[in-house]
Amino acid sequence: MLIILISIFTIANVENVRVNFLVANFNIPLIILILLNLLIGAFLTFLVTSLNSLKIKKKIRALETSYQEKIDQQTKRLTKLRAENSLLTTRLKNSNGKQLSGQQQQTIDELSQQLESDKE
């Protein structure tokens, strides 16, 4: 179907046209001029979209790098916090043990005093 449309378009536009381009003047079939402009437009469109695509890819790479750096920083921070949590948990257990030991010693001292006072 497309070939038929192109053929009809070609047959309908075979007359020569005069083209004035800067200092050059020449005659060219209209269909060749149309196709040439179509090719130039397609090339420029491809060029612009390629440049935009490259810019977008560059931004994506920069964002991925930044994102990975942030993940690495947060991972290091999390590791430090876990180590600190482990240390504080150990200290708390030791502190609770000392508190319990102190309470037991105080109870022993109180009972000892009661025993001595009962003996008297």
PDB file of N, CA and C in Angstrom:
ATOM      1  N   MET A   1       0.828  -1.188   0.000  1.00  0.00           N
ATOM      2  CA  MET A   1       0.000   0.000   0.000  1.00  0.00           C
ATOM      3  C   MET A   1       0.876   1.257   0.000  1.00  0.00           C
ATOM      4  N   LEU A   2       1.906   1.257   0.842  1.00  0.00           N
ATOM      5  CA  LEU A   2       2.800   2.414   0.915  1.00  0.00           C
ATOM      6  C   LEU A   2       3.541   2.614  -0.401  1.00  0.00           C
ATOM      7  N   ILE A   3       3.934   1.500  -1.037  1.00  0.00           N
ATOM      8  CA  ILE A   3       4.652   1.590  -2.318  1.00  0.00           C
ATOM      9  C   ILE A   3       3.751   2.216  -3.382  1.00  0.00           C
ATOM     10  N   ILE A   4       2.499   1.865  -3.365  1.00  0.00           N
ATOM     11  CA  ILE A   4       1.552   2.440  -4.333  1.00  0.00           C
ATOM     12  C   ILE A   4       1.409   3.937  -4.107  1.00  0.00           C
ATOM     13  N   LEU A   5       1.287   4.357  -2.852  1.00  0.00           N
ATOM     14  CA  LEU A   5       1.177   5.795  -2.550  1.00  0.00           C
ATOM     15  C   LEU A   5       2.433   6.548  -2.972  1.00  0.00           C
ATOM     16  N   ILE A   6       3.590   5.961  -2.722  1.00  0.00           N
ATOM     17  CA  ILE A   6       4.855   6.618  -3.114  1.00  0.00           C
ATOM     18  C   ILE A   6       4.942   6.714  -4.628  1.00  0.00           C
ATOM     19  N   SER A   7       4.532   5.674  -5.316  1.00  0.00           N
ATOM     20  CA  SER A   7       4.562   5.687  -6.794  1.00  0.00           C
ATOM     21  C   SER A   7       3.656   6.784  -7.341  1.00  0.00           C
ATOM     22  N   ILE A   8       2.451   6.891  -6.819  1.00  0.00           N
ATOM     23  CA  ILE A   8       1.519   7.934  -7.273  1.00  0.00           C
ATOM     24  C   ILE A   8       2.092   9.315  -6.976  1.00  0.00           C
ATOM     25  N   PHE A   9       2.665   9.480  -5.783  1.00  0.00           N
ATOM     26  CA  PHE A   9       3.253  10.765  -5.404  1.00  0.00           C
ATOM     27  C   PHE A   9       4.413  11.120  -6.334  1.00  0.00           C
ATOM     28  N   THR A  10       5.224  10.120  -6.707  1.00  0.00           N
ATOM     29  CA  THR A  10       6.368  10.348  -7.594  1.00  0.00           C
ATOM     30  C   THR A  10       5.893  10.764  -8.985  1.00  0.00           C
ATOM     31  N   ILE A  11       4.923  10.067  -9.516  1.00  0.00           N
ATOM     32  CA  ILE A  11       4.417  10.364 -10.862  1.00  0.00           C
ATOM     33  C   ILE A  11       3.786  11.759 -10.898  1.00  0.00           C
ATOM     34  N   ALA A  12       3.152  12.157  -9.795  1.00  0.00           N
ATOM     35  CA  ALA A  12       2.469  13.447  -9.762  1.00  0.00           C
ATOM     36  C   ALA A  12       3.431  14.615  -9.596  1.00  0.00           C
ATOM     37  N   ASN A  13       4.668  14.360  -9.169  1.00  0.00           N
ATOM     38  CA  ASN A  13       5.597  15.451  -8.885  1.00  0.00           C
ATOM     39  C   ASN A  13       6.915  15.296  -9.645  1.00  0.00           C
ATOM     40  N   VAL A  14       6.835  15.106 -10.960  1.00  0.00           N
ATOM     41  CA  VAL A  14       8.047  14.911 -11.755  1.00  0.00           C
ATOM     42  C   VAL A  14       8.529  16.200 -12.427  1.00  0.00           C
ATOM     43  N   GLU A  15       7.749  17.268 -12.423  1.00  0.00           N
ATOM     44  CA  GLU A  15       8.166  18.488 -13.115  1.00  0.00           C
ATOM     45  C   GLU A  15       9.380  19.107 -12.425  1.00  0.00           C
ATOM     46  N   ASN A  16      10.191  19.777 -13.217  1.00  0.00           N
ATOM     47  CA  ASN A  16      11.391  20.435 -12.705  1.00  0.00           C
ATOM     48  C   ASN A  16      11.019  21.759 -12.048  1.00  0.00           C
ATOM     49  N   VAL A  17      11.764  22.062 -10.954  1.00  0.00           N
ATOM     50  CA  VAL A  17      11.593  23.355 -10.288  1.00  0.00           C
ATOM     51  C   VAL A  17      12.947  24.019 -10.199  1.00  0.00           C
ATOM     52  N   ARG A  18      12.936  25.350 -10.196  1.00  0.00           N
ATOM     53  CA  ARG A  18      14.198  26.091 -10.101  1.00  0.00           C
ATOM     54  C   ARG A  18      14.484  26.334  -8.621  1.00  0.00           C
ATOM     55  N   VAL A  19      15.700  25.989  -8.197  1.00  0.00           N
ATOM     56  CA  VAL A  19      16.107  26.151  -6.807  1.00  0.00           C
ATOM     57  C   VAL A  19      17.233  27.187  -6.770  1.00  0.00           C
ATOM     58  N   ASN A  20      17.065  28.207  -5.925  1.00  0.00           N
ATOM     59  CA  ASN A  20      18.098  29.213  -5.702  1.00  0.00           C
ATOM     60  C   ASN A  20      18.644  29.005  -4.294  1.00  0.00           C
ATOM     61  N   PHE A  21      19.867  28.546  -4.230  1.00  0.00           N
ATOM     62  CA  PHE A  21      20.476  28.264  -2.925  1.00  0.00           C
ATOM     63  C   PHE A  21      21.765  29.061  -2.822  1.00  0.00           C
ATOM     64  N   LEU A  22      21.733  30.106  -2.018  1.00  0.00           N
ATOM     65  CA  LEU A  22      22.844  31.045  -1.868  1.00  0.00           C
ATOM     66  C   LEU A  22      23.287  31.546  -3.232  1.00  0.00           C
ATOM     67  N   VAL A  23      24.421  31.089  -3.736  1.00  0.00           N
ATOM     68  CA  VAL A  23      24.907  31.579  -5.023  1.00  0.00           C
ATOM     69  C   VAL A  23      24.640  30.588  -6.151  1.00  0.00           C
ATOM     70  N   ALA A  24      24.113  29.426  -5.823  1.00  0.00           N
ATOM     71  CA  ALA A  24      23.872  28.393  -6.832  1.00  0.00           C
ATOM     72  C   ALA A  24      22.413  28.428  -7.281  1.00  0.00           C
ATOM     73  N   ASN A  25      22.218  28.253  -8.563  1.00  0.00           N
ATOM     74  CA  ASN A  25      20.879  28.149  -9.153  1.00  0.00           C
ATOM     75  C   ASN A  25      20.858  26.879  -9.987  1.00  0.00           C
ATOM     76  N   PHE A  26      19.837  26.064  -9.758  1.00  0.00           N
ATOM     77  CA  PHE A  26      19.753  24.836 -10.559  1.00  0.00           C
ATOM     78  C   PHE A  26      18.315  24.365 -10.640  1.00  0.00           C
ATOM     79  N   ASN A  27      18.074  23.537 -11.648  1.00  0.00           N
ATOM     80  CA  ASN A  27      16.765  22.915 -11.830  1.00  0.00           C
ATOM     81  C   ASN A  27      16.852  21.478 -11.332  1.00  0.00           C
ATOM     82  N   ILE A  28      15.782  21.063 -10.629  1.00  0.00           N
ATOM     83  CA  ILE A  28      15.763  19.711 -10.057  1.00  0.00           C
ATOM     84  C   ILE A  28      14.320  19.225 -10.061  1.00  0.00           C
ATOM     85  N   PRO A  29      14.080  17.926 -10.276  1.00  0.00           N
ATOM     86  CA  PRO A  29      12.702  17.426 -10.198  1.00  0.00           C
ATOM     87  C   PRO A  29      12.138  17.649  -8.786  1.00  0.00           C
ATOM     88  N   LEU A  30      10.876  18.004  -8.731  1.00  0.00           N
ATOM     89  CA  LEU A  30      10.226  18.319  -7.457  1.00  0.00           C
ATOM     90  C   LEU A  30      10.284  17.141  -6.490  1.00  0.00           C
ATOM     91  N   ILE A  31      10.102  15.919  -6.983  1.00  0.00           N
ATOM     92  CA  ILE A  31      10.103  14.757  -6.093  1.00  0.00           C
ATOM     93  C   ILE A  31      11.457  14.581  -5.415  1.00  0.00           C
ATOM     94  N   ILE A  32      12.548  14.857  -6.133  1.00  0.00           N
ATOM     95  CA  ILE A  32      13.884  14.732  -5.537  1.00  0.00           C
ATOM     96  C   ILE A  32      14.076  15.810  -4.474  1.00  0.00           C
ATOM     97  N   LEU A  33      13.591  17.001  -4.745  1.00  0.00           N
ATOM     98  CA  LEU A  33      13.682  18.075  -3.758  1.00  0.00           C
ATOM     99  C   LEU A  33      12.877  17.719  -2.503  1.00  0.00           C
ATOM    100  N   ILE A  34      11.693  17.172  -2.674  1.00  0.00           N
ATOM    101  CA  ILE A  34      10.865  16.778  -1.525  1.00  0.00           C
ATOM    102  C   ILE A  34      11.555  15.668  -0.736  1.00  0.00           C
ATOM    103  N   LEU A  35      12.044  14.651  -1.438  1.00  0.00           N
ATOM    104  CA  LEU A  35      12.721  13.536  -0.760  1.00  0.00           C
ATOM    105  C   LEU A  35      14.004  13.999  -0.059  1.00  0.00           C
ATOM    106  N   LEU A  36      14.724  14.902  -0.699  1.00  0.00           N
ATOM    107  CA  LEU A  36      15.941  15.432  -0.088  1.00  0.00           C
ATOM    108  C   LEU A  36      15.612  16.182   1.204  1.00  0.00           C
ATOM    109  N   ASN A  37      14.581  16.989   1.162  1.00  0.00           N
ATOM    110  CA  ASN A  37      14.150  17.701   2.378  1.00  0.00           C
ATOM    111  C   ASN A  37      13.654  16.727   3.447  1.00  0.00           C
ATOM    112  N   LEU A  38      12.972  15.683   3.014  1.00  0.00           N
ATOM    113  CA  LEU A  38      12.506  14.668   3.948  1.00  0.00           C
ATOM    114  C   LEU A  38      13.698  13.987   4.627  1.00  0.00           C
ATOM    115  N   LEU A  39      14.712  13.640   3.852  1.00  0.00           N
ATOM    116  CA  LEU A  39      15.911  13.000   4.417  1.00  0.00           C
ATOM    117  C   LEU A  39      16.662  13.938   5.367  1.00  0.00           C
ATOM    118  N   ILE A  40      16.780  15.196   4.979  1.00  0.00           N
ATOM    119  CA  ILE A  40      17.448  16.173   5.853  1.00  0.00           C
ATOM    120  C   ILE A  40      16.674  16.318   7.162  1.00  0.00           C
ATOM    121  N   GLY A  41      15.348  16.412   7.075  1.00  0.00           N
ATOM    122  CA  GLY A  41      14.516  16.512   8.283  1.00  0.00           C
ATOM    123  C   GLY A  41      14.641  15.281   9.160  1.00  0.00           C
ATOM    124  N   ALA A  42      14.660  14.100   8.549  1.00  0.00           N
ATOM    125  CA  ALA A  42      14.801  12.858   9.319  1.00  0.00           C
ATOM    126  C   ALA A  42      16.167  12.812   9.997  1.00  0.00           C
ATOM    127  N   PHE A  43      17.212  13.239   9.283  1.00  0.00           N
ATOM    128  CA  PHE A  43      18.555  13.246   9.867  1.00  0.00           C
ATOM    129  C   PHE A  43      18.636  14.214  11.046  1.00  0.00           C
ATOM    130  N   LEU A  44      18.080  15.408  10.892  1.00  0.00           N
ATOM    131  CA  LEU A  44      18.105  16.390  11.981  1.00  0.00           C
ATOM    132  C   LEU A  44      17.298  15.899  13.188  1.00  0.00           C
ATOM    133  N   THR A  45      16.167  15.272  12.919  1.00  0.00           N
ATOM    134  CA  THR A  45      15.371  14.710  14.010  1.00  0.00           C
ATOM    135  C   THR A  45      16.161  13.629  14.743  1.00  0.00           C
ATOM    136  N   PHE A  46      16.809  12.749  13.978  1.00  0.00           N
ATOM    137  CA  PHE A  46      17.636  11.699  14.581  1.00  0.00           C
ATOM    138  C   PHE A  46      18.758  12.304  15.410  1.00  0.00           C
ATOM    139  N   LEU A  47      19.401  13.340  14.885  1.00  0.00           N
ATOM    140  CA  LEU A  47      20.513  13.982  15.585  1.00  0.00           C
ATOM    141  C   LEU A  47      20.058  14.602  16.906  1.00  0.00           C
ATOM    142  N   VAL A  48      18.954  15.317  16.875  1.00  0.00           N
ATOM    143  CA  VAL A  48      18.438  15.971  18.086  1.00  0.00           C
ATOM    144  C   VAL A  48      18.018  14.934  19.131  1.00  0.00           C
ATOM    145  N   THR A  49      17.298  13.903  18.701  1.00  0.00           N
ATOM    146  CA  THR A  49      16.869  12.882  19.660  1.00  0.00           C
ATOM    147  C   THR A  49      18.054  12.104  20.208  1.00  0.00           C
ATOM    148  N   SER A  50      19.074  11.887  19.392  1.00  0.00           N
ATOM    149  CA  SER A  50      20.275  11.184  19.878  1.00  0.00           C
ATOM    150  C   SER A  50      20.989  12.013  20.931  1.00  0.00           C
ATOM    151  N   LEU A  51      21.104  13.311  20.689  1.00  0.00           N
ATOM    152  CA  LEU A  51      21.756  14.178  21.670  1.00  0.00           C
ATOM    153  C   LEU A  51      20.970  14.216  22.973  1.00  0.00           C
ATOM    154  N   ASN A  52      19.652  14.298  22.877  1.00  0.00           N
ATOM    155  CA  ASN A  52      18.818  14.280  24.082  1.00  0.00           C
ATOM    156  C   ASN A  52      18.957  12.958  24.815  1.00  0.00           C
ATOM    157  N   SER A  53      19.011  11.883  24.063  1.00  0.00           N
ATOM    158  CA  SER A  53      19.166  10.559  24.663  1.00  0.00           C
ATOM    159  C   SER A  53      20.501  10.457  25.401  1.00  0.00           C
ATOM    160  N   LEU A  54      21.561  10.994  24.800  1.00  0.00           N
ATOM    161  CA  LEU A  54      22.874  10.974  25.463  1.00  0.00           C
ATOM    162  C   LEU A  54      22.863  11.797  26.746  1.00  0.00           C
ATOM    163  N   LYS A  55      22.212  12.950  26.713  1.00  0.00           N
ATOM    164  CA  LYS A  55      22.107  13.788  27.919  1.00  0.00           C
ATOM    165  C   LYS A  55      21.356  13.052  29.020  1.00  0.00           C
ATOM    166  N   ILE A  56      20.269  12.408  28.647  1.00  0.00           N
ATOM    167  CA  ILE A  56      19.461  11.676  29.633  1.00  0.00           C
ATOM    168  C   ILE A  56      20.261  10.514  30.214  1.00  0.00           C
ATOM    169  N   LYS A  57      20.986   9.791  29.367  1.00  0.00           N
ATOM    170  CA  LYS A  57      21.802   8.671  29.860  1.00  0.00           C
ATOM    171  C   LYS A  57      22.881   9.164  30.808  1.00  0.00           C
ATOM    172  N   LYS A  58      23.471  10.320  30.502  1.00  0.00           N
ATOM    173  CA  LYS A  58      24.498  10.890  31.379  1.00  0.00           C
ATOM    174  C   LYS A  58      23.894  11.254  32.735  1.00  0.00           C
ATOM    175  N   LYS A  59      22.715  11.858  32.724  1.00  0.00           N
ATOM    176  CA  LYS A  59      22.039  12.202  33.986  1.00  0.00           C
ATOM    177  C   LYS A  59      21.695  10.948  34.777  1.00  0.00           C
ATOM    178  N   ILE A  60      21.246   9.914  34.080  1.00  0.00           N
ATOM    179  CA  ILE A  60      20.903   8.654  34.754  1.00  0.00           C
ATOM    180  C   ILE A  60      22.140   8.065  35.419  1.00  0.00           C
ATOM    181  N   ARG A  61      23.272   8.045  34.710  1.00  0.00           N
ATOM    182  CA  ARG A  61      24.510   7.518  35.296  1.00  0.00           C
ATOM    183  C   ARG A  61      24.922   8.326  36.524  1.00  0.00           C
ATOM    184  N   ALA A  62      24.808   9.651  36.434  1.00  0.00           N
ATOM    185  CA  ALA A  62      25.160  10.500  37.582  1.00  0.00           C
ATOM    186  C   ALA A  62      24.246  10.210  38.767  1.00  0.00           C
ATOM    187  N   LEU A  63      22.953  10.063  38.512  1.00  0.00           N
ATOM    188  CA  LEU A  63      22.009   9.760  39.586  1.00  0.00           C
ATOM    189  C   LEU A  63      22.261   8.382  40.178  1.00  0.00           C
ATOM    190  N   GLU A  64      22.589   7.406  39.328  1.00  0.00           N
ATOM    191  CA  GLU A  64      22.884   6.060  39.828  1.00  0.00           C
ATOM    192  C   GLU A  64      24.121   6.087  40.718  1.00  0.00           C
ATOM    193  N   THR A  65      25.143   6.828  40.301  1.00  0.00           N
ATOM    194  CA  THR A  65      26.359   6.938  41.094  1.00  0.00           C
ATOM    195  C   THR A  65      26.061   7.607  42.429  1.00  0.00           C
ATOM    196  N   SER A  66      25.314   8.692  42.401  1.00  0.00           N
ATOM    197  CA  SER A  66      24.938   9.400  43.623  1.00  0.00           C
ATOM    198  C   SER A  66      24.111   8.500  44.532  1.00  0.00           C
ATOM    199  N   TYR A  67      23.174   7.782  43.943  1.00  0.00           N
ATOM    200  CA  TYR A  67      22.314   6.876  44.702  1.00  0.00           C
ATOM    201  C   TYR A  67      23.150   5.784  45.369  1.00  0.00           C
ATOM    202  N   GLN A  68      24.105   5.214  44.619  1.00  0.00           N
ATOM    203  CA  GLN A  68      24.951   4.158  45.174  1.00  0.00           C
ATOM    204  C   GLN A  68      25.825   4.701  46.300  1.00  0.00           C
ATOM    205  N   GLU A  69      26.339   5.918  46.150  1.00  0.00           N
ATOM    206  CA  GLU A  69      27.143   6.530  47.209  1.00  0.00           C
ATOM    207  C   GLU A  69      26.304   6.713  48.475  1.00  0.00           C
ATOM    208  N   LYS A  70      25.066   7.146  48.307  1.00  0.00           N
ATOM    209  CA  LYS A  70      24.183   7.322  49.466  1.00  0.00           C
ATOM    210  C   LYS A  70      23.878   5.984  50.124  1.00  0.00           C
ATOM    211  N   ILE A  71      23.666   4.954  49.319  1.00  0.00           N
ATOM    212  CA  ILE A  71      23.429   3.623  49.874  1.00  0.00           C
ATOM    213  C   ILE A  71      24.652   3.160  50.663  1.00  0.00           C
ATOM    214  N   ASP A  72      25.845   3.376  50.106  1.00  0.00           N
ATOM    215  CA  ASP A  72      27.073   2.982  50.805  1.00  0.00           C
ATOM    216  C   ASP A  72      27.227   3.739  52.120  1.00  0.00           C
ATOM    217  N   GLN A  73      26.941   5.033  52.107  1.00  0.00           N
ATOM    218  CA  GLN A  73      27.033   5.829  53.335  1.00  0.00           C
ATOM    219  C   GLN A  73      26.045   5.314  54.381  1.00  0.00           C
ATOM    220  N   GLN A  74      24.819   5.044  53.960  1.00  0.00           N
ATOM    221  CA  GLN A  74      23.809   4.571  54.901  1.00  0.00           C
ATOM    222  C   GLN A  74      24.151   3.178  55.431  1.00  0.00           C
ATOM    223  N   THR A  75      24.754   2.345  54.576  1.00  0.00           N
ATOM    224  CA  THR A  75      25.164   1.011  55.015  1.00  0.00           C
ATOM    225  C   THR A  75      26.259   1.120  56.074  1.00  0.00           C
ATOM    226  N   LYS A  76      27.238   1.999  55.844  1.00  0.00           N
ATOM    227  CA  LYS A  76      28.298   2.210  56.838  1.00  0.00           C
ATOM    228  C   LYS A  76      27.710   2.742  58.143  1.00  0.00           C
ATOM    229  N   ARG A  77      26.789   3.678  58.024  1.00  0.00           N
ATOM    230  CA  ARG A  77      26.152   4.251  59.215  1.00  0.00           C
ATOM    231  C   ARG A  77      25.378   3.181  59.979  1.00  0.00           C
ATOM    232  N   LEU A  78      24.662   2.339  59.239  1.00  0.00           N
ATOM    233  CA  LEU A  78      23.903   1.259  59.867  1.00  0.00           C
ATOM    234  C   LEU A  78      24.832   0.277  60.584  1.00  0.00           C
ATOM    235  N   THR A  79      25.966  -0.035  59.972  1.00  0.00           N
ATOM    236  CA  THR A  79      26.937  -0.939  60.598  1.00  0.00           C
ATOM    237  C   THR A  79      27.467  -0.338  61.895  1.00  0.00           C
ATOM    238  N   LYS A  80      27.795   0.944  61.857  1.00  0.00           N
ATOM    239  CA  LYS A  80      28.276   1.614  63.072  1.00  0.00           C
ATOM    240  C   LYS A  80      27.203   1.615  64.159  1.00  0.00           C
ATOM    241  N   LEU A  81      25.963   1.905  63.779  1.00  0.00           N
ATOM    242  CA  LEU A  81      24.875   1.935  64.759  1.00  0.00           C
ATOM    243  C   LEU A  81      24.624   0.553  65.358  1.00  0.00           C
ATOM    244  N   ARG A  82      24.736  -0.484  64.541  1.00  0.00           N
ATOM    245  CA  ARG A  82      24.567  -1.840  65.071  1.00  0.00           C
ATOM    246  C   ARG A  82      25.668  -2.186  66.059  1.00  0.00           C
ATOM    247  N   ALA A  83      26.910  -1.789  65.725  1.00  0.00           N
ATOM    248  CA  ALA A  83      28.022  -2.051  66.642  1.00  0.00           C
ATOM    249  C   ALA A  83      27.817  -1.281  67.948  1.00  0.00           C
ATOM    250  N   GLU A  84      27.387  -0.028  67.834  1.00  0.00           N
ATOM    251  CA  GLU A  84      27.135   0.783  69.022  1.00  0.00           C
ATOM    252  C   GLU A  84      25.986   0.193  69.842  1.00  0.00           C
ATOM    253  N   ASN A  85      24.957  -0.294  69.170  1.00  0.00           N
ATOM    254  CA  ASN A  85      23.830  -0.917  69.851  1.00  0.00           C
ATOM    255  C   ASN A  85      24.286  -2.164  70.616  1.00  0.00           C
ATOM    256  N   SER A  86      25.132  -2.956  69.992  1.00  0.00           N
ATOM    257  CA  SER A  86      25.644  -4.164  70.643  1.00  0.00           C
ATOM    258  C   SER A  86      26.459  -3.795  71.883  1.00  0.00           C
ATOM    259  N   LEU A  87      27.308  -2.783  71.756  1.00  0.00           N
ATOM    260  CA  LEU A  87      28.118  -2.328  72.883  1.00  0.00           C
ATOM    261  C   LEU A  87      27.232  -1.818  74.019  1.00  0.00           C
ATOM    262  N   LEU A  88      26.231  -1.005  73.677  1.00  0.00           N
ATOM    263  CA  LEU A  88      25.336  -0.460  74.700  1.00  0.00           C
ATOM    264  C   LEU A  88      24.491  -1.562  75.351  1.00  0.00           C
ATOM    265  N   THR A  89      24.089  -2.544  74.581  1.00  0.00           N
ATOM    266  CA  THR A  89      23.335  -3.664  75.143  1.00  0.00           C
ATOM    267  C   THR A  89      24.186  -4.419  76.155  1.00  0.00           C
ATOM    268  N   THR A  90      25.443  -4.654  75.793  1.00  0.00           N
ATOM    269  CA  THR A  90      26.359  -5.334  76.714  1.00  0.00           C
ATOM    270  C   THR A  90      26.564  -4.514  77.971  1.00  0.00           C
ATOM    271  N   ARG A  91      26.753  -3.220  77.802  1.00  0.00           N
ATOM    272  CA  ARG A  91      26.948  -2.351  78.972  1.00  0.00           C
ATOM    273  C   ARG A  91      25.707  -2.345  79.867  1.00  0.00           C
ATOM    274  N   LEU A  92      24.531  -2.339  79.226  1.00  0.00           N
ATOM    275  CA  LEU A  92      23.290  -2.344  79.988  1.00  0.00           C
ATOM    276  C   LEU A  92      23.143  -3.647  80.774  1.00  0.00           C
ATOM    277  N   LYS A  93      23.480  -4.760  80.142  1.00  0.00           N
ATOM    278  CA  LYS A  93      23.413  -6.045  80.840  1.00  0.00           C
ATOM    279  C   LYS A  93      24.370  -6.061  82.018  1.00  0.00           C
ATOM    280  N   ASN A  94      25.589  -5.548  81.805  1.00  0.00           N
ATOM    281  CA  ASN A  94      26.567  -5.484  82.893  1.00  0.00           C
ATOM    282  C   ASN A  94      26.076  -4.562  84.007  1.00  0.00           C
ATOM    283  N   SER A  95      25.483  -3.457  83.612  1.00  0.00           N
ATOM    284  CA  SER A  95      24.975  -2.498  84.586  1.00  0.00           C
ATOM    285  C   SER A  95      23.833  -3.115  85.389  1.00  0.00           C
ATOM    286  N   ASN A  96      22.938  -3.813  84.704  1.00  0.00           N
ATOM    287  CA  ASN A  96      21.829  -4.476  85.394  1.00  0.00           C
ATOM    288  C   ASN A  96      22.352  -5.552  86.339  1.00  0.00           C
ATOM    289  N   GLY A  97      23.379  -6.264  85.885  1.00  0.00           N
ATOM    290  CA  GLY A  97      23.985  -7.291  86.743  1.00  0.00           C
ATOM    291  C   GLY A  97      24.604  -6.680  87.980  1.00  0.00           C
ATOM    292  N   LYS A  98      25.278  -5.553  87.812  1.00  0.00           N
ATOM    293  CA  LYS A  98      25.892  -4.873  88.961  1.00  0.00           C
ATOM    294  C   LYS A  98      24.815  -4.327  89.885  1.00  0.00           C
ATOM    295  N   GLN A  99      23.745  -3.810  89.315  1.00  0.00           N
ATOM    296  CA  GLN A  99      22.639  -3.298  90.120  1.00  0.00           C
ATOM    297  C   GLN A  99      22.022  -4.427  90.942  1.00  0.00           C
ATOM    298  N   LEU A 100      21.797  -5.543  90.292  1.00  0.00           N
ATOM    299  CA  LEU A 100      21.218  -6.691  90.980  1.00  0.00           C
ATOM    300  C   LEU A 100      22.152  -7.180  92.069  1.00  0.00           C
ATOM    301  N   SER A 101      23.444  -7.211  91.749  1.00  0.00           N
ATOM    302  CA  SER A 101      24.444  -7.635  92.739  1.00  0.00           C
ATOM    303  C   SER A 101      24.457  -6.663  93.920  1.00  0.00           C
ATOM    304  N   GLY A 102      24.347  -5.368  93.621  1.00  0.00           N
ATOM    305  CA  GLY A 102      24.324  -4.355  94.679  1.00  0.00           C
ATOM    306  C   GLY A 102      23.086  -4.496  95.548  1.00  0.00           C
ATOM    307  N   GLN A 103      21.950  -4.780  94.924  1.00  0.00           N
ATOM    308  CA  GLN A 103      20.710  -4.964  95.679  1.00  0.00           C
ATOM    309  C   GLN A 103      20.799  -6.208  96.562  1.00  0.00           C
ATOM    310  N   GLN A 104      21.384  -7.250  96.016  1.00  0.00           N
ATOM    311  CA  GLN A 104      21.542  -8.474  96.804  1.00  0.00           C
ATOM    312  C   GLN A 104      22.470  -8.229  98.000  1.00  0.00           C
ATOM    313  N   GLN A 105      23.547  -7.487  97.733  1.00  0.00           N
ATOM    314  CA  GLN A 105      24.483  -7.186  98.821  1.00  0.00           C
ATOM    315  C   GLN A 105      23.806  -6.334  99.886  1.00  0.00           C
ATOM    316  N   GLN A 106      22.977  -5.396  99.471  1.00  0.00           N
ATOM    317  CA  GLN A 106      22.262  -4.548 100.423  1.00  0.00           C
ATOM    318  C   GLN A 106      21.291  -5.391 101.247  1.00  0.00           C
ATOM    319  N   THR A 107      20.610  -6.321 100.614  1.00  0.00           N
ATOM    320  CA  THR A 107      19.697  -7.217 101.337  1.00  0.00           C
ATOM    321  C   THR A 107      20.458  -8.072 102.338  1.00  0.00           C
ATOM    322  N   ILE A 108      21.620  -8.563 101.918  1.00  0.00           N
ATOM    323  CA  ILE A 108      22.461  -9.365 102.831  1.00  0.00           C
ATOM    324  C   ILE A 108      22.893  -8.529 104.023  1.00  0.00           C
ATOM    325  N   ASP A 109      23.311  -7.300 103.769  1.00  0.00           N
ATOM    326  CA  ASP A 109      23.740  -6.414 104.859  1.00  0.00           C
ATOM    327  C   ASP A 109      22.571  -6.132 105.815  1.00  0.00           C
ATOM    328  N   GLU A 110      21.396  -5.896 105.264  1.00  0.00           N
ATOM    329  CA  GLU A 110      20.227  -5.624 106.110  1.00  0.00           C
ATOM    330  C   GLU A 110      19.874  -6.852 106.956  1.00  0.00           C
ATOM    331  N   LEU A 111      19.913  -8.021 106.341  1.00  0.00           N
ATOM    332  CA  LEU A 111      19.630  -9.243 107.085  1.00  0.00           C
ATOM    333  C   LEU A 111      20.680  -9.510 108.157  1.00  0.00           C
ATOM    334  N   SER A 112      21.917  -9.197 107.829  1.00  0.00           N
ATOM    335  CA  SER A 112      23.000  -9.368 108.812  1.00  0.00           C
ATOM    336  C   SER A 112      22.777  -8.447 109.996  1.00  0.00           C
ATOM    337  N   GLN A 113      22.365  -7.221 109.721  1.00  0.00           N
ATOM    338  CA  GLN A 113      22.111  -6.265 110.805  1.00  0.00           C
ATOM    339  C   GLN A 113      20.923  -6.740 111.656  1.00  0.00           C
ATOM    340  N   GLN A 114      19.920  -7.271 111.025  1.00  0.00           N
ATOM    341  CA  GLN A 114      18.769  -7.769 111.755  1.00  0.00           C
ATOM    342  C   GLN A 114      19.169  -8.954 112.649  1.00  0.00           C
ATOM    343  N   LEU A 115      20.008  -9.819 112.147  1.00  0.00           N
ATOM    344  CA  LEU A 115      20.473 -10.959 112.907  1.00  0.00           C
ATOM    345  C   LEU A 115      21.267 -10.484 114.138  1.00  0.00           C
ATOM    346  N   GLU A 116      22.114  -9.510 113.914  1.00  0.00           N
ATOM    347  CA  GLU A 116      22.924  -8.999 115.018  1.00  0.00           C
ATOM    348  C   GLU A 116      22.043  -8.316 116.060  1.00  0.00           C
ATOM    349  N   SER A 117      21.068  -7.599 115.576  1.00  0.00           N
ATOM    350  CA  SER A 117      20.180  -6.907 116.526  1.00  0.00           C
ATOM    351  C   SER A 117      19.292  -7.923 117.253  1.00  0.00           C
ATOM    352  N   ASP A 118      18.930  -9.010 116.581  1.00  0.00           N
ATOM    353  CA  ASP A 118      18.144 -10.045 117.234  1.00  0.00           C
ATOM    354  C   ASP A 118      18.950 -10.796 118.293  1.00  0.00           C
ATOM    355  N   LYS A 119      20.236 -10.936 118.068  1.00  0.00           N
ATOM    356  CA  LYS A 119      21.123 -11.622 119.028  1.00  0.00           C
ATOM    357  C   LYS A 119      21.279 -10.777 120.287  1.00  0.00           C
ATOM    358  N   GLU A 120      21.201  -9.527 120.160  1.00  0.00           N
ATOM    359  CA  GLU A 120      21.405  -8.669 121.320  1.00  0.00           C
ATOM    360  C   GLU A 120      20.201  -8.599 122.113  1.00  0.00           C
TER     361      GLU A 120
END
